[in-house]
Amino acid sequence: MVKAILRHFTVFRDNNRVAVITYSTDVHPEHWNSIANPSLSKCALMQTLNEIPYIAGWTNTGGALVRAGEILASSTRSGITRVVITLTDGQPNRGPDAGTSASSLRSAYGATLFAL
């Protein structure tokens, strides 16, 4: 599903930048972050997606959203639209409250959030 979504975006230093975070019981280090390294290409991103392992566990959506905020805070670009797309297997049952974390992203960064 992530690949299907990203096919519609240009990922390059002067366009969209992407970070991919995985989470289960814990939030795992991002597998991809063109925000921190804008020279990364969309082709490399699509290949990386094939290599991300599934990690079973609880659903720590709030923790993943907190990490997304940390990544957004590291961006020095101004005048851009910030979007967070969250893929989840259902009801959050670990970590910080997902609703509170989502509200923080909207208020602190003006982020638009989508949950699938």
PDB file of N, CA and C in Angstrom:
ATOM      1  N   MET A   1       0.815  -1.186   0.000  1.00  0.00           N
ATOM      2  CA  MET A   1       0.000   0.000   0.000  1.00  0.00           C
ATOM      3  C   MET A   1       0.870   1.265   0.000  1.00  0.00           C
ATOM      4  N   VAL A   2       1.969   1.245   0.716  1.00  0.00           N
ATOM      5  CA  VAL A   2       2.843   2.417   0.764  1.00  0.00           C
ATOM      6  C   VAL A   2       3.357   2.748  -0.632  1.00  0.00           C
ATOM      7  N   LYS A   3       3.768   1.721  -1.365  1.00  0.00           N
ATOM      8  CA  LYS A   3       4.248   1.949  -2.723  1.00  0.00           C
ATOM      9  C   LYS A   3       3.160   2.560  -3.603  1.00  0.00           C
ATOM     10  N   ALA A   4       1.944   2.072  -3.463  1.00  0.00           N
ATOM     11  CA  ALA A   4       0.837   2.597  -4.270  1.00  0.00           C
ATOM     12  C   ALA A   4       0.625   4.079  -3.994  1.00  0.00           C
ATOM     13  N   ILE A   5       0.751   4.474  -2.748  1.00  0.00           N
ATOM     14  CA  ILE A   5       0.587   5.889  -2.390  1.00  0.00           C
ATOM     15  C   ILE A   5       1.750   6.715  -2.943  1.00  0.00           C
ATOM     16  N   LEU A   6       2.963   6.231  -2.749  1.00  0.00           N
ATOM     17  CA  LEU A   6       4.141   7.001  -3.140  1.00  0.00           C
ATOM     18  C   LEU A   6       4.339   7.105  -4.643  1.00  0.00           C
ATOM     19  N   ARG A   7       3.721   6.221  -5.399  1.00  0.00           N
ATOM     20  CA  ARG A   7       3.828   6.314  -6.863  1.00  0.00           C
ATOM     21  C   ARG A   7       3.294   7.647  -7.383  1.00  0.00           C
ATOM     22  N   HIS A   8       2.438   8.285  -6.607  1.00  0.00           N
ATOM     23  CA  HIS A   8       1.810   9.544  -7.023  1.00  0.00           C
ATOM     24  C   HIS A   8       2.628  10.775  -6.642  1.00  0.00           C
ATOM     25  N   PHE A   9       3.763  10.581  -6.004  1.00  0.00           N
ATOM     26  CA  PHE A   9       4.584  11.688  -5.539  1.00  0.00           C
ATOM     27  C   PHE A   9       5.940  11.699  -6.234  1.00  0.00           C
ATOM     28  N   THR A  10       6.449  12.892  -6.485  1.00  0.00           N
ATOM     29  CA  THR A  10       7.826  13.055  -6.902  1.00  0.00           C
ATOM     30  C   THR A  10       8.644  13.189  -5.628  1.00  0.00           C
ATOM     31  N   VAL A  11       9.659  12.372  -5.477  1.00  0.00           N
ATOM     32  CA  VAL A  11      10.515  12.438  -4.295  1.00  0.00           C
ATOM     33  C   VAL A  11      11.892  12.893  -4.761  1.00  0.00           C
ATOM     34  N   PHE A  12      12.235  14.116  -4.407  1.00  0.00           N
ATOM     35  CA  PHE A  12      13.528  14.677  -4.782  1.00  0.00           C
ATOM     36  C   PHE A  12      13.753  15.920  -3.949  1.00  0.00           C
ATOM     37  N   ARG A  13      14.977  16.377  -3.880  1.00  0.00           N
ATOM     38  CA  ARG A  13      15.365  17.483  -2.995  1.00  0.00           C
ATOM     39  C   ARG A  13      14.503  18.731  -3.161  1.00  0.00           C
ATOM     40  N   ASP A  14      14.073  19.069  -4.381  1.00  0.00           N
ATOM     41  CA  ASP A  14      13.295  20.289  -4.598  1.00  0.00           C
ATOM     42  C   ASP A  14      11.791  20.047  -4.595  1.00  0.00           C
ATOM     43  N   ASN A  15      11.388  18.817  -4.352  1.00  0.00           N
ATOM     44  CA  ASN A  15       9.969  18.486  -4.341  1.00  0.00           C
ATOM     45  C   ASN A  15       9.593  17.881  -3.000  1.00  0.00           C
ATOM     46  N   ASN A  16       8.897  16.780  -3.042  1.00  0.00           N
ATOM     47  CA  ASN A  16       8.460  16.094  -1.831  1.00  0.00           C
ATOM     48  C   ASN A  16       9.612  15.344  -1.191  1.00  0.00           C
ATOM     49  N   ARG A  17       9.613  15.357   0.109  1.00  0.00           N
ATOM     50  CA  ARG A  17      10.571  14.568   0.865  1.00  0.00           C
ATOM     51  C   ARG A  17       9.782  13.623   1.746  1.00  0.00           C
ATOM     52  N   VAL A  18      10.338  12.458   2.006  1.00  0.00           N
ATOM     53  CA  VAL A  18       9.599  11.378   2.652  1.00  0.00           C
ATOM     54  C   VAL A  18      10.426  10.770   3.768  1.00  0.00           C
ATOM     55  N   ALA A  19       9.763  10.408   4.848  1.00  0.00           N
ATOM     56  CA  ALA A  19      10.374   9.584   5.885  1.00  0.00           C
ATOM     57  C   ALA A  19       9.444   8.404   6.126  1.00  0.00           C
ATOM     58  N   VAL A  20      10.012   7.216   6.267  1.00  0.00           N
ATOM     59  CA  VAL A  20       9.223   6.013   6.530  1.00  0.00           C
ATOM     60  C   VAL A  20       9.589   5.510   7.919  1.00  0.00           C
ATOM     61  N   ILE A  21       8.589   5.419   8.773  1.00  0.00           N
ATOM     62  CA  ILE A  21       8.757   4.961  10.149  1.00  0.00           C
ATOM     63  C   ILE A  21       7.932   3.691  10.298  1.00  0.00           C
ATOM     64  N   THR A  22       8.470   2.676  10.945  1.00  0.00           N
ATOM     65  CA  THR A  22       7.663   1.509  11.282  1.00  0.00           C
ATOM     66  C   THR A  22       7.471   1.468  12.790  1.00  0.00           C
ATOM     67  N   TYR A  23       6.369   0.861  13.164  1.00  0.00           N
ATOM     68  CA  TYR A  23       6.066   0.768  14.589  1.00  0.00           C
ATOM     69  C   TYR A  23       5.228  -0.470  14.858  1.00  0.00           C
ATOM     70  N   SER A  24       5.361  -0.956  16.051  1.00  0.00           N
ATOM     71  CA  SER A  24       4.531  -2.032  16.579  1.00  0.00           C
ATOM     72  C   SER A  24       4.437  -1.704  18.070  1.00  0.00           C
ATOM     73  N   THR A  25       4.960  -2.550  18.930  1.00  0.00           N
ATOM     74  CA  THR A  25       5.002  -2.222  20.351  1.00  0.00           C
ATOM     75  C   THR A  25       5.886  -0.996  20.574  1.00  0.00           C
ATOM     76  N   ASP A  26       6.979  -0.929  19.846  1.00  0.00           N
ATOM     77  CA  ASP A  26       7.913   0.193  19.898  1.00  0.00           C
ATOM     78  C   ASP A  26       7.949   0.886  18.546  1.00  0.00           C
ATOM     79  N   VAL A  27       8.446   2.110  18.549  1.00  0.00           N
ATOM     80  CA  VAL A  27       8.699   2.828  17.298  1.00  0.00           C
ATOM     81  C   VAL A  27      10.125   2.494  16.898  1.00  0.00           C
ATOM     82  N   HIS A  28      10.295   2.085  15.658  1.00  0.00           N
ATOM     83  CA  HIS A  28      11.596   1.646  15.181  1.00  0.00           C
ATOM     84  C   HIS A  28      12.275   2.791  14.428  1.00  0.00           C
ATOM     85  N   PRO A  29      13.599   2.785  14.375  1.00  0.00           N
ATOM     86  CA  PRO A  29      14.291   3.848  13.629  1.00  0.00           C
ATOM     87  C   PRO A  29      13.767   3.897  12.193  1.00  0.00           C
ATOM     88  N   GLU A  30      13.680   5.108  11.663  1.00  0.00           N
ATOM     89  CA  GLU A  30      13.135   5.207  10.305  1.00  0.00           C
ATOM     90  C   GLU A  30      14.026   4.469   9.321  1.00  0.00           C
ATOM     91  N   HIS A  31      13.379   3.869   8.361  1.00  0.00           N
ATOM     92  CA  HIS A  31      14.077   3.112   7.329  1.00  0.00           C
ATOM     93  C   HIS A  31      14.466   4.018   6.171  1.00  0.00           C
ATOM     94  N   TRP A  32      13.824   5.153   6.099  1.00  0.00           N
ATOM     95  CA  TRP A  32      14.028   6.046   4.964  1.00  0.00           C
ATOM     96  C   TRP A  32      13.767   7.455   5.441  1.00  0.00           C
ATOM     97  N   ASN A  33      14.632   8.394   5.088  1.00  0.00           N
ATOM     98  CA  ASN A  33      14.402   9.766   5.502  1.00  0.00           C
ATOM     99  C   ASN A  33      15.065  10.721   4.518  1.00  0.00           C
ATOM    100  N   SER A  34      14.300  11.141   3.512  1.00  0.00           N
ATOM    101  CA  SER A  34      14.853  12.103   2.562  1.00  0.00           C
ATOM    102  C   SER A  34      14.730  13.526   3.095  1.00  0.00           C
ATOM    103  N   ILE A  35      14.116  13.676   4.266  1.00  0.00           N
ATOM    104  CA  ILE A  35      14.095  14.985   4.927  1.00  0.00           C
ATOM    105  C   ILE A  35      15.502  15.269   5.451  1.00  0.00           C
ATOM    106  N   ALA A  36      16.106  14.265   6.084  1.00  0.00           N
ATOM    107  CA  ALA A  36      17.465  14.409   6.602  1.00  0.00           C
ATOM    108  C   ALA A  36      18.508  14.308   5.499  1.00  0.00           C
ATOM    109  N   ASN A  37      18.196  13.549   4.452  1.00  0.00           N
ATOM    110  CA  ASN A  37      19.150  13.346   3.359  1.00  0.00           C
ATOM    111  C   ASN A  37      18.432  13.567   2.027  1.00  0.00           C
ATOM    112  N   PRO A  38      18.280  14.818   1.591  1.00  0.00           N
ATOM    113  CA  PRO A  38      17.488  15.121   0.399  1.00  0.00           C
ATOM    114  C   PRO A  38      18.036  14.577  -0.908  1.00  0.00           C
ATOM    115  N   SER A  39      19.238  14.029  -0.922  1.00  0.00           N
ATOM    116  CA  SER A  39      19.773  13.481  -2.162  1.00  0.00           C
ATOM    117  C   SER A  39      19.230  12.081  -2.457  1.00  0.00           C
ATOM    118  N   LEU A  40      18.503  11.488  -1.518  1.00  0.00           N
ATOM    119  CA  LEU A  40      17.943  10.158  -1.743  1.00  0.00           C
ATOM    120  C   LEU A  40      16.878  10.213  -2.827  1.00  0.00           C
ATOM    121  N   SER A  41      16.803   9.173  -3.639  1.00  0.00           N
ATOM    122  CA  SER A  41      15.894   9.157  -4.782  1.00  0.00           C
ATOM    123  C   SER A  41      14.663   8.299  -4.528  1.00  0.00           C
ATOM    124  N   LYS A  42      13.653   8.521  -5.351  1.00  0.00           N
ATOM    125  CA  LYS A  42      12.431   7.723  -5.264  1.00  0.00           C
ATOM    126  C   LYS A  42      12.714   6.255  -5.591  1.00  0.00           C
ATOM    127  N   CYS A  43      13.588   5.997  -6.545  1.00  0.00           N
ATOM    128  CA  CYS A  43      13.935   4.605  -6.883  1.00  0.00           C
ATOM    129  C   CYS A  43      14.530   3.892  -5.670  1.00  0.00           C
ATOM    130  N   ALA A  44      15.409   4.570  -4.961  1.00  0.00           N
ATOM    131  CA  ALA A  44      16.004   3.984  -3.757  1.00  0.00           C
ATOM    132  C   ALA A  44      14.942   3.769  -2.686  1.00  0.00           C
ATOM    133  N   LEU A  45      14.012   4.694  -2.591  1.00  0.00           N
ATOM    134  CA  LEU A  45      12.918   4.556  -1.624  1.00  0.00           C
ATOM    135  C   LEU A  45      12.093   3.309  -1.929  1.00  0.00           C
ATOM    136  N   MET A  46      11.713   3.126  -3.175  1.00  0.00           N
ATOM    137  CA  MET A  46      10.889   1.977  -3.542  1.00  0.00           C
ATOM    138  C   MET A  46      11.628   0.665  -3.252  1.00  0.00           C
ATOM    139  N   GLN A  47      12.932   0.633  -3.480  1.00  0.00           N
ATOM    140  CA  GLN A  47      13.717  -0.561  -3.165  1.00  0.00           C
ATOM    141  C   GLN A  47      13.763  -0.795  -1.657  1.00  0.00           C
ATOM    142  N   THR A  48      13.946   0.274  -0.904  1.00  0.00           N
ATOM    143  CA  THR A  48      13.996   0.155   0.557  1.00  0.00           C
ATOM    144  C   THR A  48      12.691  -0.419   1.097  1.00  0.00           C
ATOM    145  N   LEU A  49      11.575  -0.027   0.525  1.00  0.00           N
ATOM    146  CA  LEU A  49      10.283  -0.534   0.991  1.00  0.00           C
ATOM    147  C   LEU A  49      10.208  -2.050   0.893  1.00  0.00           C
ATOM    148  N   ASN A  50      10.868  -2.625  -0.107  1.00  0.00           N
ATOM    149  CA  ASN A  50      10.888  -4.088  -0.249  1.00  0.00           C
ATOM    150  C   ASN A  50      11.662  -4.767   0.870  1.00  0.00           C
ATOM    151  N   GLU A  51      12.530  -4.028   1.515  1.00  0.00           N
ATOM    152  CA  GLU A  51      13.439  -4.609   2.507  1.00  0.00           C
ATOM    153  C   GLU A  51      13.002  -4.378   3.948  1.00  0.00           C
ATOM    154  N   ILE A  52      11.935  -3.648   4.161  1.00  0.00           N
ATOM    155  CA  ILE A  52      11.480  -3.369   5.529  1.00  0.00           C
ATOM    156  C   ILE A  52      10.778  -4.599   6.080  1.00  0.00           C
ATOM    157  N   PRO A  53      11.258  -5.130   7.203  1.00  0.00           N
ATOM    158  CA  PRO A  53      10.643  -6.339   7.758  1.00  0.00           C
ATOM    159  C   PRO A  53       9.348  -6.016   8.502  1.00  0.00           C
ATOM    160  N   TYR A  54       8.460  -6.975   8.556  1.00  0.00           N
ATOM    161  CA  TYR A  54       7.274  -6.862   9.391  1.00  0.00           C
ATOM    162  C   TYR A  54       7.691  -7.195  10.810  1.00  0.00           C
ATOM    163  N   ILE A  55       7.296  -6.352  11.749  1.00  0.00           N
ATOM    164  CA  ILE A  55       7.626  -6.588  13.154  1.00  0.00           C
ATOM    165  C   ILE A  55       6.312  -6.684  13.921  1.00  0.00           C
ATOM    166  N   ALA A  56       5.996  -7.870  14.388  1.00  0.00           N
ATOM    167  CA  ALA A  56       4.741  -8.092  15.106  1.00  0.00           C
ATOM    168  C   ALA A  56       4.788  -7.417  16.479  1.00  0.00           C
ATOM    169  N   GLY A  57       3.620  -7.108  16.993  1.00  0.00           N
ATOM    170  CA  GLY A  57       3.529  -6.519  18.325  1.00  0.00           C
ATOM    171  C   GLY A  57       2.241  -5.744  18.498  1.00  0.00           C
ATOM    172  N   TRP A  58       2.221  -4.889  19.492  1.00  0.00           N
ATOM    173  CA  TRP A  58       1.069  -4.046  19.770  1.00  0.00           C
ATOM    174  C   TRP A  58       1.007  -2.913  18.739  1.00  0.00           C
ATOM    175  N   THR A  59       0.123  -1.959  18.945  1.00  0.00           N
ATOM    176  CA  THR A  59      -0.066  -0.875  17.977  1.00  0.00           C
ATOM    177  C   THR A  59       0.204   0.467  18.651  1.00  0.00           C
ATOM    178  N   ASN A  60       1.421   0.969  18.517  1.00  0.00           N
ATOM    179  CA  ASN A  60       1.866   2.198  19.161  1.00  0.00           C
ATOM    180  C   ASN A  60       1.783   3.373  18.178  1.00  0.00           C
ATOM    181  N   THR A  61       0.579   3.672  17.734  1.00  0.00           N
ATOM    182  CA  THR A  61       0.375   4.746  16.758  1.00  0.00           C
ATOM    183  C   THR A  61       0.809   6.094  17.327  1.00  0.00           C
ATOM    184  N   GLY A  62       0.467   6.364  18.575  1.00  0.00           N
ATOM    185  CA  GLY A  62       0.839   7.633  19.194  1.00  0.00           C
ATOM    186  C   GLY A  62       2.344   7.838  19.215  1.00  0.00           C
ATOM    187  N   GLY A  63       3.093   6.789  19.509  1.00  0.00           N
ATOM    188  CA  GLY A  63       4.548   6.874  19.510  1.00  0.00           C
ATOM    189  C   GLY A  63       5.103   7.166  18.124  1.00  0.00           C
ATOM    190  N   ALA A  64       4.503   6.553  17.110  1.00  0.00           N
ATOM    191  CA  ALA A  64       4.938   6.811  15.735  1.00  0.00           C
ATOM    192  C   ALA A  64       4.663   8.261  15.347  1.00  0.00           C
ATOM    193  N   LEU A  65       3.529   8.798  15.781  1.00  0.00           N
ATOM    194  CA  LEU A  65       3.205  10.194  15.480  1.00  0.00           C
ATOM    195  C   LEU A  65       4.147  11.146  16.210  1.00  0.00           C
ATOM    196  N   VAL A  66       4.544  10.799  17.422  1.00  0.00           N
ATOM    197  CA  VAL A  66       5.540  11.605  18.143  1.00  0.00           C
ATOM    198  C   VAL A  66       6.845  11.622  17.352  1.00  0.00           C
ATOM    199  N   ARG A  67       7.271  10.456  16.848  1.00  0.00           N
ATOM    200  CA  ARG A  67       8.503  10.391  16.045  1.00  0.00           C
ATOM    201  C   ARG A  67       8.358  11.202  14.763  1.00  0.00           C
ATOM    202  N   ALA A  68       7.187  11.160  14.141  1.00  0.00           N
ATOM    203  CA  ALA A  68       6.946  11.973  12.944  1.00  0.00           C
ATOM    204  C   ALA A  68       7.133  13.454  13.272  1.00  0.00           C
ATOM    205  N   GLY A  69       6.671  13.878  14.439  1.00  0.00           N
ATOM    206  CA  GLY A  69       6.863  15.264  14.864  1.00  0.00           C
ATOM    207  C   GLY A  69       8.335  15.616  15.025  1.00  0.00           C
ATOM    208  N   GLU A  70       9.109  14.690  15.550  1.00  0.00           N
ATOM    209  CA  GLU A  70      10.547  14.924  15.700  1.00  0.00           C
ATOM    210  C   GLU A  70      11.210  15.097  14.328  1.00  0.00           C
ATOM    211  N   ILE A  71      10.773  14.302  13.366  1.00  0.00           N
ATOM    212  CA  ILE A  71      11.321  14.415  12.016  1.00  0.00           C
ATOM    213  C   ILE A  71      10.892  15.734  11.383  1.00  0.00           C
ATOM    214  N   LEU A  72       9.627  16.105  11.544  1.00  0.00           N
ATOM    215  CA  LEU A  72       9.159  17.382  11.001  1.00  0.00           C
ATOM    216  C   LEU A  72       9.914  18.550  11.632  1.00  0.00           C
ATOM    217  N   ALA A  73      10.203  18.444  12.911  1.00  0.00           N
ATOM    218  CA  ALA A  73      10.932  19.510  13.601  1.00  0.00           C
ATOM    219  C   ALA A  73      12.349  19.666  13.058  1.00  0.00           C
ATOM    220  N   SER A  74      12.901  18.588  12.505  1.00  0.00           N
ATOM    221  CA  SER A  74      14.276  18.646  11.988  1.00  0.00           C
ATOM    222  C   SER A  74      14.352  19.300  10.610  1.00  0.00           C
ATOM    223  N   SER A  75      13.215  19.513   9.974  1.00  0.00           N
ATOM    224  CA  SER A  75      13.206  20.116   8.633  1.00  0.00           C
ATOM    225  C   SER A  75      13.369  21.623   8.734  1.00  0.00           C
ATOM    226  N   THR A  76      14.257  22.161   7.923  1.00  0.00           N
ATOM    227  CA  THR A  76      14.483  23.610   7.930  1.00  0.00           C
ATOM    228  C   THR A  76      13.748  24.304   6.790  1.00  0.00           C
ATOM    229  N   ARG A  77      13.005  23.552   6.000  1.00  0.00           N
ATOM    230  CA  ARG A  77      12.282  24.148   4.875  1.00  0.00           C
ATOM    231  C   ARG A  77      11.075  24.914   5.386  1.00  0.00           C
ATOM    232  N   SER A  78      10.853  26.089   4.806  1.00  0.00           N
ATOM    233  CA  SER A  78       9.683  26.870   5.196  1.00  0.00           C
ATOM    234  C   SER A  78       8.728  26.969   4.010  1.00  0.00           C
ATOM    235  N   GLY A  79       7.481  27.305   4.299  1.00  0.00           N
ATOM    236  CA  GLY A  79       6.496  27.491   3.247  1.00  0.00           C
ATOM    237  C   GLY A  79       6.106  26.208   2.541  1.00  0.00           C
ATOM    238  N   ILE A  80       6.198  25.082   3.223  1.00  0.00           N
ATOM    239  CA  ILE A  80       5.849  23.803   2.613  1.00  0.00           C
ATOM    240  C   ILE A  80       4.633  23.198   3.302  1.00  0.00           C
ATOM    241  N   THR A  81       3.971  22.312   2.601  1.00  0.00           N
ATOM    242  CA  THR A  81       2.865  21.563   3.182  1.00  0.00           C
ATOM    243  C   THR A  81       3.431  20.317   3.834  1.00  0.00           C
ATOM    244  N   ARG A  82       3.042  20.086   5.064  1.00  0.00           N
ATOM    245  CA  ARG A  82       3.511  18.898   5.780  1.00  0.00           C
ATOM    246  C   ARG A  82       2.359  17.909   5.875  1.00  0.00           C
ATOM    247  N   VAL A  83       2.608  16.693   5.449  1.00  0.00           N
ATOM    248  CA  VAL A  83       1.590  15.651   5.436  1.00  0.00           C
ATOM    249  C   VAL A  83       2.126  14.431   6.153  1.00  0.00           C
ATOM    250  N   VAL A  84       1.292  13.840   7.007  1.00  0.00           N
ATOM    251  CA  VAL A  84       1.645  12.599   7.693  1.00  0.00           C
ATOM    252  C   VAL A  84       0.580  11.571   7.322  1.00  0.00           C
ATOM    253  N   ILE A  85       1.018  10.472   6.724  1.00  0.00           N
ATOM    254  CA  ILE A  85       0.115   9.378   6.366  1.00  0.00           C
ATOM    255  C   ILE A  85       0.433   8.213   7.291  1.00  0.00           C
ATOM    256  N   THR A  86      -0.551   7.776   8.043  1.00  0.00           N
ATOM    257  CA  THR A  86      -0.367   6.709   9.012  1.00  0.00           C
ATOM    258  C   THR A  86      -1.095   5.462   8.531  1.00  0.00           C
ATOM    259  N   LEU A  87      -0.386   4.374   8.412  1.00  0.00           N
ATOM    260  CA  LEU A  87      -0.996   3.082   8.106  1.00  0.00           C
ATOM    261  C   LEU A  87      -1.026   2.291   9.400  1.00  0.00           C
ATOM    262  N   THR A  88      -2.183   1.787   9.756  1.00  0.00           N
ATOM    263  CA  THR A  88      -2.313   1.075  11.012  1.00  0.00           C
ATOM    264  C   THR A  88      -3.156  -0.176  10.833  1.00  0.00           C
ATOM    265  N   ASP A  89      -2.970  -1.123  11.733  1.00  0.00           N
ATOM    266  CA  ASP A  89      -3.769  -2.343  11.690  1.00  0.00           C
ATOM    267  C   ASP A  89      -5.001  -2.242  12.583  1.00  0.00           C
ATOM    268  N   GLY A  90      -5.215  -1.079  13.174  1.00  0.00           N
ATOM    269  CA  GLY A  90      -6.416  -0.938  13.996  1.00  0.00           C
ATOM    270  C   GLY A  90      -6.236  -0.003  15.167  1.00  0.00           C
ATOM    271  N   GLN A  91      -6.934  -0.276  16.235  1.00  0.00           N
ATOM    272  CA  GLN A  91      -6.988   0.560  17.428  1.00  0.00           C
ATOM    273  C   GLN A  91      -5.633   0.610  18.134  1.00  0.00           C
ATOM    274  N   PRO A  92      -5.117   1.834  18.386  1.00  0.00           N
ATOM    275  CA  PRO A  92      -3.867   1.937  19.158  1.00  0.00           C
ATOM    276  C   PRO A  92      -4.049   1.332  20.547  1.00  0.00           C
ATOM    277  N   ASN A  93      -3.061   0.570  20.997  1.00  0.00           N
ATOM    278  CA  ASN A  93      -3.168  -0.051  22.318  1.00  0.00           C
ATOM    279  C   ASN A  93      -1.852  -0.007  23.095  1.00  0.00           C
ATOM    280  N   ARG A  94      -0.957   0.854  22.679  1.00  0.00           N
ATOM    281  CA  ARG A  94       0.321   1.065  23.363  1.00  0.00           C
ATOM    282  C   ARG A  94       0.769   2.497  23.158  1.00  0.00           C
ATOM    283  N   GLY A  95       1.614   2.984  24.056  1.00  0.00           N
ATOM    284  CA  GLY A  95       2.250   4.280  23.872  1.00  0.00           C
ATOM    285  C   GLY A  95       1.348   5.461  24.151  1.00  0.00           C
ATOM    286  N   PRO A  96       1.798   6.656  23.743  1.00  0.00           N
ATOM    287  CA  PRO A  96       1.028   7.876  23.981  1.00  0.00           C
ATOM    288  C   PRO A  96      -0.305   7.835  23.235  1.00  0.00           C
ATOM    289  N   ASP A  97      -1.233   8.645  23.694  1.00  0.00           N
ATOM    290  CA  ASP A  97      -2.544   8.732  23.057  1.00  0.00           C
ATOM    291  C   ASP A  97      -2.398   9.229  21.618  1.00  0.00           C
ATOM    292  N   ALA A  98      -2.916   8.463  20.666  1.00  0.00           N
ATOM    293  CA  ALA A  98      -2.756   8.803  19.249  1.00  0.00           C
ATOM    294  C   ALA A  98      -3.486  10.101  18.901  1.00  0.00           C
ATOM    295  N   GLY A  99      -4.651  10.337  19.495  1.00  0.00           N
ATOM    296  CA  GLY A  99      -5.397  11.564  19.219  1.00  0.00           C
ATOM    297  C   GLY A  99      -4.645  12.799  19.674  1.00  0.00           C
ATOM    298  N   THR A 100      -4.054  12.724  20.851  1.00  0.00           N
ATOM    299  CA  THR A 100      -3.263  13.839  21.371  1.00  0.00           C
ATOM    300  C   THR A 100      -2.029  14.069  20.505  1.00  0.00           C
ATOM    301  N   SER A 101      -1.365  12.982  20.106  1.00  0.00           N
ATOM    302  CA  SER A 101      -0.185  13.104  19.250  1.00  0.00           C
ATOM    303  C   SER A 101      -0.548  13.718  17.903  1.00  0.00           C
ATOM    304  N   ALA A 102      -1.681  13.316  17.333  1.00  0.00           N
ATOM    305  CA  ALA A 102      -2.134  13.872  16.053  1.00  0.00           C
ATOM    306  C   ALA A 102      -2.444  15.359  16.194  1.00  0.00           C
ATOM    307  N   SER A 103      -3.112  15.730  17.266  1.00  0.00           N
ATOM    308  CA  SER A 103      -3.431  17.139  17.506  1.00  0.00           C
ATOM    309  C   SER A 103      -2.165  17.980  17.630  1.00  0.00           C
ATOM    310  N   SER A 104      -1.161  17.420  18.275  1.00  0.00           N
ATOM    311  CA  SER A 104       0.109  18.132  18.424  1.00  0.00           C
ATOM    312  C   SER A 104       0.770  18.376  17.067  1.00  0.00           C
ATOM    313  N   LEU A 105       0.704  17.387  16.179  1.00  0.00           N
ATOM    314  CA  LEU A 105       1.278  17.566  14.838  1.00  0.00           C
ATOM    315  C   LEU A 105       0.554  18.662  14.076  1.00  0.00           C
ATOM    316  N   ARG A 106      -0.767  18.698  14.207  1.00  0.00           N
ATOM    317  CA  ARG A 106      -1.546  19.730  13.513  1.00  0.00           C
ATOM    318  C   ARG A 106      -1.219  21.118  14.063  1.00  0.00           C
ATOM    319  N   SER A 107      -1.173  21.241  15.384  1.00  0.00           N
ATOM    320  CA  SER A 107      -0.962  22.569  15.958  1.00  0.00           C
ATOM    321  C   SER A 107       0.492  23.033  15.847  1.00  0.00           C
ATOM    322  N   ALA A 108       1.458  22.148  16.041  1.00  0.00           N
ATOM    323  CA  ALA A 108       2.871  22.552  16.023  1.00  0.00           C
ATOM    324  C   ALA A 108       3.418  22.765  14.610  1.00  0.00           C
ATOM    325  N   TYR A 109       2.935  21.957  13.654  1.00  0.00           N
ATOM    326  CA  TYR A 109       3.541  21.978  12.313  1.00  0.00           C
ATOM    327  C   TYR A 109       2.542  22.261  11.200  1.00  0.00           C
ATOM    328  N   GLY A 110       1.269  22.429  11.547  1.00  0.00           N
ATOM    329  CA  GLY A 110       0.252  22.627  10.527  1.00  0.00           C
ATOM    330  C   GLY A 110       0.113  21.419   9.622  1.00  0.00           C
ATOM    331  N   ALA A 111       0.455  20.251  10.148  1.00  0.00           N
ATOM    332  CA  ALA A 111       0.439  19.032   9.338  1.00  0.00           C
ATOM    333  C   ALA A 111      -0.976  18.597   9.035  1.00  0.00           C
ATOM    334  N   THR A 112      -1.157  18.059   7.840  1.00  0.00           N
ATOM    335  CA  THR A 112      -2.387  17.392   7.450  1.00  0.00           C
ATOM    336  C   THR A 112      -2.163  15.918   7.675  1.00  0.00           C
ATOM    337  N   LEU A 113      -3.095  15.266   8.357  1.00  0.00           N
ATOM    338  CA  LEU A 113      -2.919  13.858   8.692  1.00  0.00           C
ATOM    339  C   LEU A 113      -3.962  13.000   7.991  1.00  0.00           C
ATOM    340  N   PHE A 114      -3.502  11.846   7.532  1.00  0.00           N
ATOM    341  CA  PHE A 114      -4.378  10.830   6.952  1.00  0.00           C
ATOM    342  C   PHE A 114      -4.103   9.523   7.677  1.00  0.00           C
ATOM    343  N   ALA A 115      -5.141   8.782   7.989  1.00  0.00           N
ATOM    344  CA  ALA A 115      -4.973   7.463   8.614  1.00  0.00           C
ATOM    345  C   ALA A 115      -5.657   6.424   7.727  1.00  0.00           C
ATOM    346  N   LEU A 116      -4.932   5.360   7.449  1.00  0.00           N
ATOM    347  CA  LEU A 116      -5.453   4.276   6.619  1.00  0.00           C
ATOM    348  C   LEU A 116      -5.359   2.977   7.389  1.00  0.00           C
TER     349      LEU A 116
END
